[in-house]
Amino acid sequence: MKRMSIFCMLFFCSTMVLTASSPRTLKYKQIQKKIRDLESMVKDKDAELLHTPESLVEGCLSTAVTCFKKGIQKLQPASSQENEAFAKAIRIVSKFTYRDSGEHCEFTCESYEKKTPKEFLKGFENLMK
């Protein structure tokens, strides 16, 4: 009976470990949520257009992430009331990192088309998926 209860405890613990989300997955979900939050807070009219990477190839993901991180710093809040929440969302999104695969990418940030801040954020959210 003792062995059976130990086996059940081990089985339960191992299934809990397998079903738990990894810290990286949770971080990605948090960043995606903050990107969606920024879409409603960002100034879109009379705002600077930002280079928005699209149709990415595997070797250029690092360059695309760098472009998005540079662009995030140029975003402005739509109203002064949202300033604190906006700044917090920008900080969280800016922490996103991607390990470089070591491949050389022929594209630069400037080679991508410029789009509005909301389209820029949608492109970033698509990259995160």
C-alpha atoms as a PDB file:
ATOM      1  CA  MET A   1       0.000   0.000   0.000  1.00  0.00           C
ATOM      2  CA  LYS A   2       2.899   2.299   0.803  1.00  0.00           C
ATOM      3  CA  ARG A   3       4.462   1.687  -2.615  1.00  0.00           C
ATOM      4  CA  MET A   4       1.180   2.356  -4.337  1.00  0.00           C
ATOM      5  CA  SER A   5       0.742   5.736  -2.614  1.00  0.00           C
ATOM      6  CA  ILE A   6       4.342   6.707  -3.481  1.00  0.00           C
ATOM      7  CA  PHE A   7       3.732   5.706  -7.100  1.00  0.00           C
ATOM      8  CA  CYS A   8       0.547   7.788  -7.203  1.00  0.00           C
ATOM      9  CA  MET A   9       2.349  10.809  -5.755  1.00  0.00           C
ATOM     10  CA  LEU A  10       5.167  10.499  -8.299  1.00  0.00           C
ATOM     11  CA  PHE A  11       2.681  10.100 -11.136  1.00  0.00           C
ATOM     12  CA  PHE A  12       0.742  13.167 -10.016  1.00  0.00           C
ATOM     13  CA  CYS A  13       3.886  15.303  -9.670  1.00  0.00           C
ATOM     14  CA  SER A  14       5.240  14.273 -13.056  1.00  0.00           C
ATOM     15  CA  THR A  15       1.972  15.082 -14.828  1.00  0.00           C
ATOM     16  CA  MET A  16       1.886  18.500 -13.162  1.00  0.00           C
ATOM     17  CA  VAL A  17       5.410  19.238 -14.363  1.00  0.00           C
ATOM     18  CA  LEU A  18       4.571  18.195 -17.923  1.00  0.00           C
ATOM     19  CA  THR A  19       1.434  20.347 -18.114  1.00  0.00           C
ATOM     20  CA  ALA A  20       2.984  23.491 -16.626  1.00  0.00           C
ATOM     21  CA  SER A  21       3.929  26.217 -19.098  1.00  0.00           C
ATOM     22  CA  SER A  22       7.587  27.034 -19.425  1.00  0.00           C
ATOM     23  CA  PRO A  23       8.783  30.426 -18.164  1.00  0.00           C
ATOM     24  CA  ARG A  24       9.668  31.403 -21.748  1.00  0.00           C
ATOM     25  CA  THR A  25       6.119  30.659 -22.954  1.00  0.00           C
ATOM     26  CA  LEU A  26       4.655  32.715 -20.117  1.00  0.00           C
ATOM     27  CA  LYS A  27       6.998  35.602 -20.927  1.00  0.00           C
ATOM     28  CA  TYR A  28       5.996  35.505 -24.616  1.00  0.00           C
ATOM     29  CA  LYS A  29       2.310  35.547 -23.653  1.00  0.00           C
ATOM     30  CA  GLN A  30       2.905  38.517 -21.352  1.00  0.00           C
ATOM     31  CA  ILE A  31       4.703  40.407 -24.126  1.00  0.00           C
ATOM     32  CA  GLN A  32       1.917  39.611 -26.604  1.00  0.00           C
ATOM     33  CA  LYS A  33      -0.654  40.960 -24.142  1.00  0.00           C
ATOM     34  CA  LYS A  34       1.332  44.163 -23.664  1.00  0.00           C
ATOM     35  CA  ILE A  35       1.602  44.610 -27.436  1.00  0.00           C
ATOM     36  CA  ARG A  36      -2.198  44.322 -27.683  1.00  0.00           C
ATOM     37  CA  ASP A  37      -2.520  46.826 -24.810  1.00  0.00           C
ATOM     38  CA  LEU A  38      -0.194  49.236 -26.607  1.00  0.00           C
ATOM     39  CA  GLU A  39      -2.378  49.082 -29.734  1.00  0.00           C
ATOM     40  CA  SER A  40      -5.171  50.816 -27.835  1.00  0.00           C
ATOM     41  CA  MET A  41      -2.868  53.355 -26.155  1.00  0.00           C
ATOM     42  CA  VAL A  42      -0.573  54.371 -29.005  1.00  0.00           C
ATOM     43  CA  LYS A  43      -0.834  57.635 -30.893  1.00  0.00           C
ATOM     44  CA  ASP A  44      -1.653  56.692 -34.487  1.00  0.00           C
ATOM     45  CA  LYS A  45      -2.609  60.007 -36.091  1.00  0.00           C
ATOM     46  CA  ASP A  46       0.194  62.429 -36.928  1.00  0.00           C
ATOM     47  CA  ALA A  47       2.696  59.890 -35.611  1.00  0.00           C
ATOM     48  CA  GLU A  48       6.043  58.914 -37.077  1.00  0.00           C
ATOM     49  CA  LEU A  49       5.853  56.003 -39.513  1.00  0.00           C
ATOM     50  CA  LEU A  50       7.987  53.035 -38.462  1.00  0.00           C
ATOM     51  CA  HIS A  51       9.913  50.425 -40.438  1.00  0.00           C
ATOM     52  CA  THR A  52       7.837  47.255 -40.110  1.00  0.00           C
ATOM     53  CA  PRO A  53       9.439  43.882 -40.937  1.00  0.00           C
ATOM     54  CA  GLU A  54       7.099  41.457 -42.724  1.00  0.00           C
ATOM     55  CA  SER A  55       7.386  38.128 -44.544  1.00  0.00           C
ATOM     56  CA  LEU A  56      10.380  37.142 -42.486  1.00  0.00           C
ATOM     57  CA  VAL A  57      12.874  34.450 -43.404  1.00  0.00           C
ATOM     58  CA  GLU A  58      14.523  32.342 -40.707  1.00  0.00           C
ATOM     59  CA  GLY A  59      17.940  34.022 -40.891  1.00  0.00           C
ATOM     60  CA  CYS A  60      16.469  37.507 -40.493  1.00  0.00           C
ATOM     61  CA  LEU A  61      14.465  37.043 -37.292  1.00  0.00           C
ATOM     62  CA  SER A  62      17.188  38.654 -35.196  1.00  0.00           C
ATOM     63  CA  THR A  63      17.252  41.708 -37.469  1.00  0.00           C
ATOM     64  CA  ALA A  64      13.452  41.937 -37.337  1.00  0.00           C
ATOM     65  CA  VAL A  65      13.444  41.799 -33.524  1.00  0.00           C
ATOM     66  CA  THR A  66      16.079  44.549 -33.438  1.00  0.00           C
ATOM     67  CA  CYS A  67      13.944  46.685 -35.782  1.00  0.00           C
ATOM     68  CA  PHE A  68      10.869  46.201 -33.628  1.00  0.00           C
ATOM     69  CA  LYS A  69      12.792  47.032 -30.446  1.00  0.00           C
ATOM     70  CA  LYS A  70      14.087  50.262 -32.019  1.00  0.00           C
ATOM     71  CA  GLY A  71      10.600  51.147 -33.240  1.00  0.00           C
ATOM     72  CA  ILE A  72       8.990  50.488 -29.858  1.00  0.00           C
ATOM     73  CA  GLN A  73      11.117  53.279 -28.377  1.00  0.00           C
ATOM     74  CA  LYS A  74       9.663  55.759 -30.911  1.00  0.00           C
ATOM     75  CA  LEU A  75       6.014  55.113 -29.995  1.00  0.00           C
ATOM     76  CA  GLN A  76       4.056  57.828 -28.223  1.00  0.00           C
ATOM     77  CA  PRO A  77       0.924  57.578 -26.060  1.00  0.00           C
ATOM     78  CA  ALA A  78      -2.353  58.852 -27.511  1.00  0.00           C
ATOM     79  CA  SER A  79      -3.146  60.837 -24.368  1.00  0.00           C
ATOM     80  CA  SER A  80      -1.258  62.017 -21.308  1.00  0.00           C
ATOM     81  CA  GLN A  81      -3.592  60.046 -18.997  1.00  0.00           C
ATOM     82  CA  GLU A  82      -2.183  56.762 -20.289  1.00  0.00           C
ATOM     83  CA  ASN A  83       1.447  57.771 -19.812  1.00  0.00           C
ATOM     84  CA  GLU A  84       2.275  55.523 -16.841  1.00  0.00           C
ATOM     85  CA  ALA A  85       0.618  52.372 -18.219  1.00  0.00           C
ATOM     86  CA  PHE A  86       2.126  53.135 -21.627  1.00  0.00           C
ATOM     87  CA  ALA A  87       5.648  53.454 -20.186  1.00  0.00           C
ATOM     88  CA  LYS A  88       5.255  50.176 -18.264  1.00  0.00           C
ATOM     89  CA  ALA A  89       4.061  48.330 -21.392  1.00  0.00           C
ATOM     90  CA  ILE A  90       7.004  49.747 -23.387  1.00  0.00           C
ATOM     91  CA  ARG A  91       9.458  48.527 -20.703  1.00  0.00           C
ATOM     92  CA  ILE A  92       8.007  45.009 -20.728  1.00  0.00           C
ATOM     93  CA  VAL A  93       7.946  44.730 -24.520  1.00  0.00           C
ATOM     94  CA  SER A  94      11.502  46.098 -24.770  1.00  0.00           C
ATOM     95  CA  LYS A  95      12.780  43.176 -22.687  1.00  0.00           C
ATOM     96  CA  PHE A  96      11.977  40.737 -25.487  1.00  0.00           C
ATOM     97  CA  THR A  97      15.106  39.014 -26.744  1.00  0.00           C
ATOM     98  CA  TYR A  98      15.869  36.591 -29.513  1.00  0.00           C
ATOM     99  CA  ARG A  99      18.985  34.470 -29.774  1.00  0.00           C
ATOM    100  CA  ASP A 100      20.778  35.152 -33.017  1.00  0.00           C
ATOM    101  CA  SER A 101      21.113  32.086 -35.229  1.00  0.00           C
ATOM    102  CA  GLY A 102      24.446  33.375 -36.504  1.00  0.00           C
ATOM    103  CA  GLU A 103      23.174  33.632 -40.062  1.00  0.00           C
ATOM    104  CA  HIS A 104      23.772  36.838 -41.967  1.00  0.00           C
ATOM    105  CA  CYS A 105      20.679  38.753 -43.047  1.00  0.00           C
ATOM    106  CA  GLU A 106      20.787  40.889 -46.153  1.00  0.00           C
ATOM    107  CA  PHE A 107      17.939  43.126 -44.918  1.00  0.00           C
ATOM    108  CA  THR A 108      18.321  46.153 -42.648  1.00  0.00           C
ATOM    109  CA  CYS A 109      15.610  47.955 -40.720  1.00  0.00           C
ATOM    110  CA  GLU A 110      15.538  50.693 -43.334  1.00  0.00           C
ATOM    111  CA  SER A 111      14.803  48.173 -46.110  1.00  0.00           C
ATOM    112  CA  TYR A 112      11.354  47.433 -44.645  1.00  0.00           C
ATOM    113  CA  GLU A 113       8.294  49.502 -45.532  1.00  0.00           C
ATOM    114  CA  LYS A 114       7.227  52.237 -43.112  1.00  0.00           C
ATOM    115  CA  LYS A 115       3.806  51.813 -41.525  1.00  0.00           C
ATOM    116  CA  THR A 116       1.624  53.450 -38.892  1.00  0.00           C
ATOM    117  CA  PRO A 117       2.266  52.615 -35.221  1.00  0.00           C
ATOM    118  CA  LYS A 118      -0.815  50.350 -35.014  1.00  0.00           C
ATOM    119  CA  GLU A 119       0.235  48.394 -38.110  1.00  0.00           C
ATOM    120  CA  PHE A 120       3.761  48.243 -36.650  1.00  0.00           C
ATOM    121  CA  LEU A 121       2.409  46.703 -33.435  1.00  0.00           C
ATOM    122  CA  LYS A 122       0.304  44.196 -35.381  1.00  0.00           C
ATOM    123  CA  GLY A 123       3.459  43.164 -37.265  1.00  0.00           C
ATOM    124  CA  PHE A 124       5.305  42.721 -33.963  1.00  0.00           C
ATOM    125  CA  GLU A 125       2.453  40.649 -32.572  1.00  0.00           C
ATOM    126  CA  ASN A 126       2.551  38.434 -35.683  1.00  0.00           C
ATOM    127  CA  LEU A 127       6.276  37.911 -35.177  1.00  0.00           C
ATOM    128  CA  MET A 128       5.622  36.811 -31.588  1.00  0.00           C
ATOM    129  CA  LYS A 129       3.181  34.144 -32.782  1.00  0.00           C
END
